Amino acid sequence: MNEIPRLRLFFHAVAGLDRALHGALRLDTAGGYRFAAGTNSVPLSLSEIGVAAAHHPLVLTGSEGPAVQAAMVGYRFAENLLAEVDGSRAAGSYVPGYLRACPFIFIRPDAASDTPVLEAETRSPLLSETKGEKLFDGSQPTALLKERMALADAYRRDLVATQAFGAALAGAGLLVPQDARFDFAGGESHRVTGFRAIDPARLSALPEETVLAWWRNGYLQACFAIIHSQHRWAGLLRRAEQRRTRAAAEADAGRNVRGAASQRASSRRGGRP
């Protein structure tokens, strides 16, 4: 069983998917994206930055060195506003391919191997032997498994370009520390820290040959998308406010129900405590 680097969000102990060993496994998606409820950012591949920027604020993680692109889906460390309490996707939100491929991932078994192997997170709540859809039909993968394999493979193939983009941003000196502040209607404030952003002034000062090269390989378009996505922080704040409002309403309803039950019990006892 391979140990995945900490960068591999949701993957901690994986095993190669083998029909002989895992033929009874099923994919249970009834919980939706509840498995991702404990993270406020999700890795992005280079090819999905454009579409993700229309839905989420995008950031570059880490304080130094090559950057990892990520979509911010929450303002608190362990809260994901993309996933509703019941696990469903927040209406109208883009779900990064990394989440859609879970709990499967392609990895190279060792540095000397050029052939990636499909592996699965064995501790994932998405896998079960009693609930969900089958992964294998006899000796063949089902259409569902093939779909998840395609998603995982697309992310793997894009990973090289994604890492090169992050290294290019850092190498060109475009990244600056940044934070985001959430000011809630009730007066409370919360600050998100620990990420970097692209400095527009530094981007505009790039040499012409770099600008041309980045236009041709898609880096420039990705930079613009990341910069413009900063307007999406306001949407994340609205989503946080809506969740707070719902939680407060549910808490009030619960107190009212308990209060009514207590009054009925008191009436049955003739008003005695």
Protein backbone atom coordinates (compact mmCIF):
# COMPACT_ATOMS: atom_id res chain seq x y z
CA MET A 1 0.00 0.00 0.00
CA ASN A 2 1.52 3.32 -1.10
CA GLU A 3 1.57 6.41 1.03
CA ILE A 4 0.50 9.48 -0.94
CA PRO A 5 2.29 12.79 -0.34
CA ARG A 6 0.30 15.25 1.75
CA LEU A 7 -0.36 17.31 -1.36
CA ARG A 8 -2.68 14.51 -2.53
CA LEU A 9 -5.84 15.76 -0.88
CA PHE A 10 -8.25 12.94 0.14
CA PHE A 11 -5.61 10.28 -0.66
CA HIS A 12 -3.71 8.87 2.30
CA ALA A 13 -3.45 5.09 1.87
CA VAL A 14 -4.10 3.76 -1.60
CA ALA A 15 -3.96 0.36 -3.24
CA GLY A 16 -3.84 -0.66 -6.88
CA LEU A 17 -7.33 -1.47 -8.12
CA ASP A 18 -7.39 -5.18 -8.92
CA ARG A 19 -10.49 -7.06 -10.07
CA ALA A 20 -9.39 -10.22 -8.25
CA LEU A 21 -9.08 -8.33 -4.97
CA HIS A 22 -11.67 -5.62 -5.39
CA GLY A 23 -14.28 -7.25 -7.62
CA ALA A 24 -16.98 -6.75 -4.99
CA LEU A 25 -16.36 -3.04 -4.53
CA ARG A 26 -19.08 -0.55 -5.32
CA LEU A 27 -19.05 3.23 -5.66
CA ASP A 28 -21.52 4.78 -3.24
CA THR A 29 -22.24 8.36 -4.28
CA ALA A 30 -25.36 8.77 -2.12
CA GLY A 31 -23.39 11.09 0.16
CA GLY A 32 -22.47 13.34 -2.75
CA TYR A 33 -19.46 15.51 -1.93
CA ARG A 34 -19.77 15.09 1.81
CA PHE A 35 -16.35 13.38 1.78
CA ALA A 36 -14.85 16.75 0.81
CA ALA A 37 -16.57 18.75 3.54
CA GLY A 38 -13.35 19.16 5.52
CA THR A 39 -11.37 21.28 3.07
CA ASN A 40 -11.65 24.90 1.98
CA SER A 41 -9.58 24.56 -1.21
CA VAL A 42 -9.36 22.03 -4.05
CA PRO A 43 -6.45 21.58 -6.52
CA LEU A 44 -7.05 22.59 -10.12
CA SER A 45 -5.44 21.47 -13.35
CA LEU A 46 -4.24 24.07 -15.85
CA SER A 47 -6.92 23.17 -18.39
CA GLU A 48 -9.83 23.89 -16.02
CA ILE A 49 -8.64 27.26 -14.68
CA GLY A 50 -10.75 29.17 -17.21
CA VAL A 51 -14.06 27.55 -16.29
CA ALA A 52 -13.29 27.36 -12.55
CA ALA A 53 -12.52 31.10 -12.48
CA ALA A 54 -16.14 31.81 -13.42
CA HIS A 55 -17.29 30.15 -10.18
CA HIS A 56 -14.59 30.35 -7.51
CA PRO A 57 -11.78 32.66 -6.39
CA LEU A 58 -8.54 30.99 -7.50
CA VAL A 59 -5.34 31.14 -5.50
CA LEU A 60 -1.76 29.86 -5.61
CA THR A 61 -0.98 27.83 -2.51
CA GLY A 62 2.25 27.83 -0.54
CA SER A 63 4.43 30.68 0.67
CA GLU A 64 7.38 30.14 -1.68
CA GLY A 65 8.61 28.07 -4.62
CA PRO A 66 6.42 26.58 -7.39
CA ALA A 67 2.74 27.29 -6.92
CA VAL A 68 -0.20 24.91 -6.87
CA GLN A 69 -3.41 26.30 -8.34
CA ALA A 70 -6.50 25.82 -6.22
CA ALA A 71 -10.13 26.86 -6.09
CA MET A 72 -11.20 28.36 -2.77
CA VAL A 73 -14.47 26.74 -1.70
CA GLY A 74 -14.62 27.98 1.89
CA TYR A 75 -13.29 30.65 4.21
CA ARG A 76 -12.65 28.50 7.27
CA PHE A 77 -9.95 25.84 7.31
CA ALA A 78 -12.25 22.82 7.48
CA GLU A 79 -15.43 24.10 5.83
CA ASN A 80 -16.38 23.50 2.21
CA LEU A 81 -19.20 25.73 0.97
CA LEU A 82 -19.26 23.91 -2.36
CA ALA A 83 -20.75 20.85 -0.62
CA GLU A 84 -24.08 21.33 1.10
CA VAL A 85 -24.74 19.67 4.46
CA ASP A 86 -26.40 16.74 2.69
CA GLY A 87 -23.41 16.37 0.34
CA SER A 88 -25.12 17.84 -2.71
CA ARG A 89 -23.32 20.36 -4.89
CA ALA A 90 -24.11 24.02 -4.23
CA ALA A 91 -26.40 25.17 -7.02
CA GLY A 92 -24.57 26.50 -10.05
CA SER A 93 -21.07 25.72 -8.77
CA TYR A 94 -18.29 24.15 -10.79
CA VAL A 95 -16.89 20.96 -9.25
CA PRO A 96 -13.13 20.56 -9.93
CA GLY A 97 -12.11 17.42 -11.81
CA TYR A 98 -10.01 16.34 -8.84
CA LEU A 99 -13.19 15.87 -6.78
CA ARG A 100 -15.12 14.24 -9.61
CA ALA A 101 -12.39 11.60 -10.03
CA CYS A 102 -12.32 10.61 -6.35
CA PRO A 103 -11.63 8.06 -4.94
CA PHE A 104 -9.44 7.05 -7.90
CA ILE A 105 -6.03 8.31 -8.92
CA PHE A 106 -3.32 7.31 -11.33
CA ILE A 107 0.16 7.08 -9.83
CA ARG A 108 3.53 5.85 -10.96
CA PRO A 109 4.51 2.95 -8.65
CA ASP A 110 8.10 4.20 -8.51
CA ALA A 111 10.37 6.82 -10.07
CA ALA A 112 11.71 4.33 -12.62
CA SER A 113 8.27 3.48 -14.00
CA ASP A 114 6.69 5.33 -16.91
CA THR A 115 3.39 3.47 -16.67
CA PRO A 116 0.85 4.90 -14.22
CA VAL A 117 -1.33 2.52 -12.25
CA LEU A 118 -4.96 3.10 -11.29
CA GLU A 119 -5.23 3.14 -7.52
CA ALA A 120 -8.05 3.81 -5.09
CA GLU A 121 -8.25 5.36 -1.66
CA THR A 122 -9.18 2.33 0.41
CA ARG A 123 -10.47 4.37 3.34
CA SER A 124 -12.80 6.48 1.23
CA PRO A 125 -16.45 6.60 2.33
CA LEU A 126 -17.28 6.41 -1.37
CA LEU A 127 -16.28 2.74 -1.54
CA SER A 128 -18.46 -0.05 -0.20
CA GLU A 129 -19.16 -3.73 -0.80
CA THR A 130 -22.86 -3.39 0.01
CA LYS A 131 -24.04 -0.03 -1.33
CA GLY A 132 -23.75 1.81 -4.61
CA GLU A 133 -22.97 0.84 -8.18
CA LYS A 134 -20.64 -1.98 -9.15
CA LEU A 135 -17.13 -1.18 -10.37
CA PHE A 136 -16.69 -4.48 -12.20
CA ASP A 137 -19.04 -6.52 -14.35
CA GLY A 138 -17.42 -9.92 -14.41
CA SER A 139 -13.86 -9.36 -15.60
CA GLN A 140 -14.52 -5.94 -17.11
CA PRO A 141 -14.79 -2.47 -15.58
CA THR A 142 -18.30 -1.03 -15.67
CA ALA A 143 -19.18 2.16 -17.54
CA LEU A 144 -19.10 3.98 -14.20
CA LEU A 145 -15.55 2.89 -13.45
CA LYS A 146 -14.45 3.75 -16.98
CA GLU A 147 -15.87 7.25 -16.52
CA ARG A 148 -13.97 7.76 -13.25
CA MET A 149 -10.81 6.33 -14.81
CA ALA A 150 -11.10 8.85 -17.65
CA LEU A 151 -11.42 11.72 -15.17
CA ALA A 152 -8.41 10.53 -13.16
CA ASP A 153 -6.37 10.03 -16.32
CA ALA A 154 -7.25 13.49 -17.64
CA TYR A 155 -6.06 15.04 -14.37
CA ARG A 156 -2.84 12.97 -14.48
CA ARG A 157 -2.05 13.95 -18.07
CA ASP A 158 -2.62 17.62 -17.29
CA LEU A 159 -0.48 17.48 -14.15
CA VAL A 160 2.83 17.99 -15.95
CA ALA A 161 1.58 21.18 -17.64
CA THR A 162 -0.02 22.30 -14.36
CA GLN A 163 3.24 21.93 -12.45
CA ALA A 164 5.19 23.69 -15.20
CA PHE A 165 2.76 26.62 -15.05
CA GLY A 166 3.17 26.92 -11.28
CA ALA A 167 6.96 26.84 -11.62
CA ALA A 168 6.84 29.47 -14.38
CA LEU A 169 4.80 31.85 -12.22
CA ALA A 170 7.26 31.54 -9.36
CA GLY A 171 10.28 31.75 -11.67
CA ALA A 172 9.03 34.97 -13.26
CA GLY A 173 8.56 36.57 -9.84
CA LEU A 174 4.84 37.21 -10.36
CA LEU A 175 3.57 35.85 -7.05
CA VAL A 176 2.91 37.97 -3.99
CA PRO A 177 1.47 37.06 -0.57
CA GLN A 178 -2.21 37.86 -0.26
CA ASP A 179 -5.11 37.39 2.11
CA ALA A 180 -8.87 37.81 1.96
CA ARG A 181 -11.11 39.36 4.57
CA PHE A 182 -14.72 38.34 5.16
CA ASP A 183 -16.90 40.97 6.84
CA PHE A 184 -20.20 39.42 7.87
CA ALA A 185 -23.47 41.30 8.26
CA GLY A 186 -23.50 40.63 12.01
CA GLY A 187 -20.21 42.47 12.47
CA GLU A 188 -17.89 39.46 12.66
CA SER A 189 -14.78 39.39 10.45
CA HIS A 190 -12.64 36.50 9.30
CA ARG A 191 -9.35 36.57 7.41
CA VAL A 192 -8.08 33.87 5.02
CA THR A 193 -4.29 33.76 4.81
CA GLY A 194 -1.46 31.55 3.56
CA PHE A 195 -1.84 31.90 -0.20
CA ARG A 196 -0.34 33.88 -3.04
CA ALA A 197 -1.75 35.83 -5.96
CA ILE A 198 -0.50 37.07 -9.33
CA ASP A 199 0.58 40.71 -9.22
CA PRO A 200 -1.01 42.41 -12.29
CA ALA A 201 1.73 45.06 -12.38
CA ARG A 202 4.46 42.43 -12.50
CA LEU A 203 2.55 40.51 -15.16
CA SER A 204 2.31 43.60 -17.37
CA ALA A 205 6.06 44.14 -16.99
CA LEU A 206 7.02 40.74 -18.42
CA PRO A 207 9.39 40.85 -21.42
CA GLU A 208 7.65 40.77 -24.79
CA GLU A 209 9.14 37.41 -25.71
CA THR A 210 7.78 35.88 -22.49
CA VAL A 211 4.33 37.38 -23.12
CA LEU A 212 4.29 35.92 -26.62
CA ALA A 213 5.44 32.49 -25.43
CA TRP A 214 2.88 32.49 -22.62
CA TRP A 215 0.12 33.47 -25.02
CA ARG A 216 0.98 30.52 -27.23
CA ASN A 217 1.12 27.95 -24.42
CA GLY A 218 -1.97 29.24 -22.58
CA TYR A 219 -0.19 30.59 -19.50
CA LEU A 220 -1.23 34.18 -20.17
CA GLN A 221 -4.90 33.29 -20.47
CA ALA A 222 -4.66 31.32 -17.22
CA CYS A 223 -3.03 34.31 -15.50
CA PHE A 224 -5.86 36.62 -16.60
CA ALA A 225 -8.47 34.10 -15.43
CA ILE A 226 -6.84 33.81 -11.98
CA ILE A 227 -6.64 37.61 -11.63
CA HIS A 228 -10.27 38.15 -12.66
CA SER A 229 -11.44 35.34 -10.37
CA GLN A 230 -10.64 37.52 -7.35
CA HIS A 231 -14.08 39.09 -7.83
CA ARG A 232 -15.51 35.70 -6.81
CA TRP A 233 -14.60 36.25 -3.16
CA ALA A 234 -17.85 38.23 -2.86
CA GLY A 235 -19.81 35.18 -4.03
CA LEU A 236 -18.07 33.00 -1.47
CA LEU A 237 -19.01 35.52 1.22
CA ARG A 238 -22.67 35.41 0.10
CA ARG A 239 -22.65 31.64 0.25
CA ALA A 240 -21.17 31.75 3.74
CA GLU A 241 -23.83 34.24 4.84
CA GLN A 242 -26.58 32.04 3.41
CA ARG A 243 -25.27 28.98 5.24
CA ARG A 244 -25.06 30.94 8.49
CA THR A 245 -28.63 32.17 8.04
CA ARG A 246 -29.91 28.64 7.39
CA ALA A 247 -28.02 27.27 10.39
CA ALA A 248 -29.45 29.98 12.66
CA ALA A 249 -32.99 29.34 11.38
CA GLU A 250 -32.60 25.58 11.94
CA ALA A 251 -31.27 26.20 15.46
CA ASP A 252 -34.24 28.47 16.24
CA ALA A 253 -36.67 25.87 14.88
CA GLY A 254 -35.04 23.20 17.03
CA ARG A 255 -35.35 25.36 20.15
CA ASN A 256 -39.01 26.04 19.36
CA VAL A 257 -39.72 22.34 18.97
CA ARG A 258 -37.97 21.52 22.24
CA GLY A 259 -39.80 24.37 23.98
CA ALA A 260 -43.19 23.16 22.73
CA ALA A 261 -42.40 19.61 23.82
CA SER A 262 -41.41 20.85 27.28
CA GLN A 263 -44.68 22.80 27.60
CA ARG A 264 -46.74 19.75 26.63
CA ALA A 265 -44.89 17.63 29.17
CA SER A 266 -45.46 20.25 31.85
CA SER A 267 -49.18 20.41 31.03
CA ARG A 268 -49.48 16.63 31.39
CA ARG A 269 -47.91 16.91 34.86
CA GLY A 270 -50.44 19.57 35.84
CA GLY A 271 -47.89 22.37 35.72
CA ARG A 272 -45.58 20.67 38.21
CA PRO A 273 -41.82 20.99 37.30
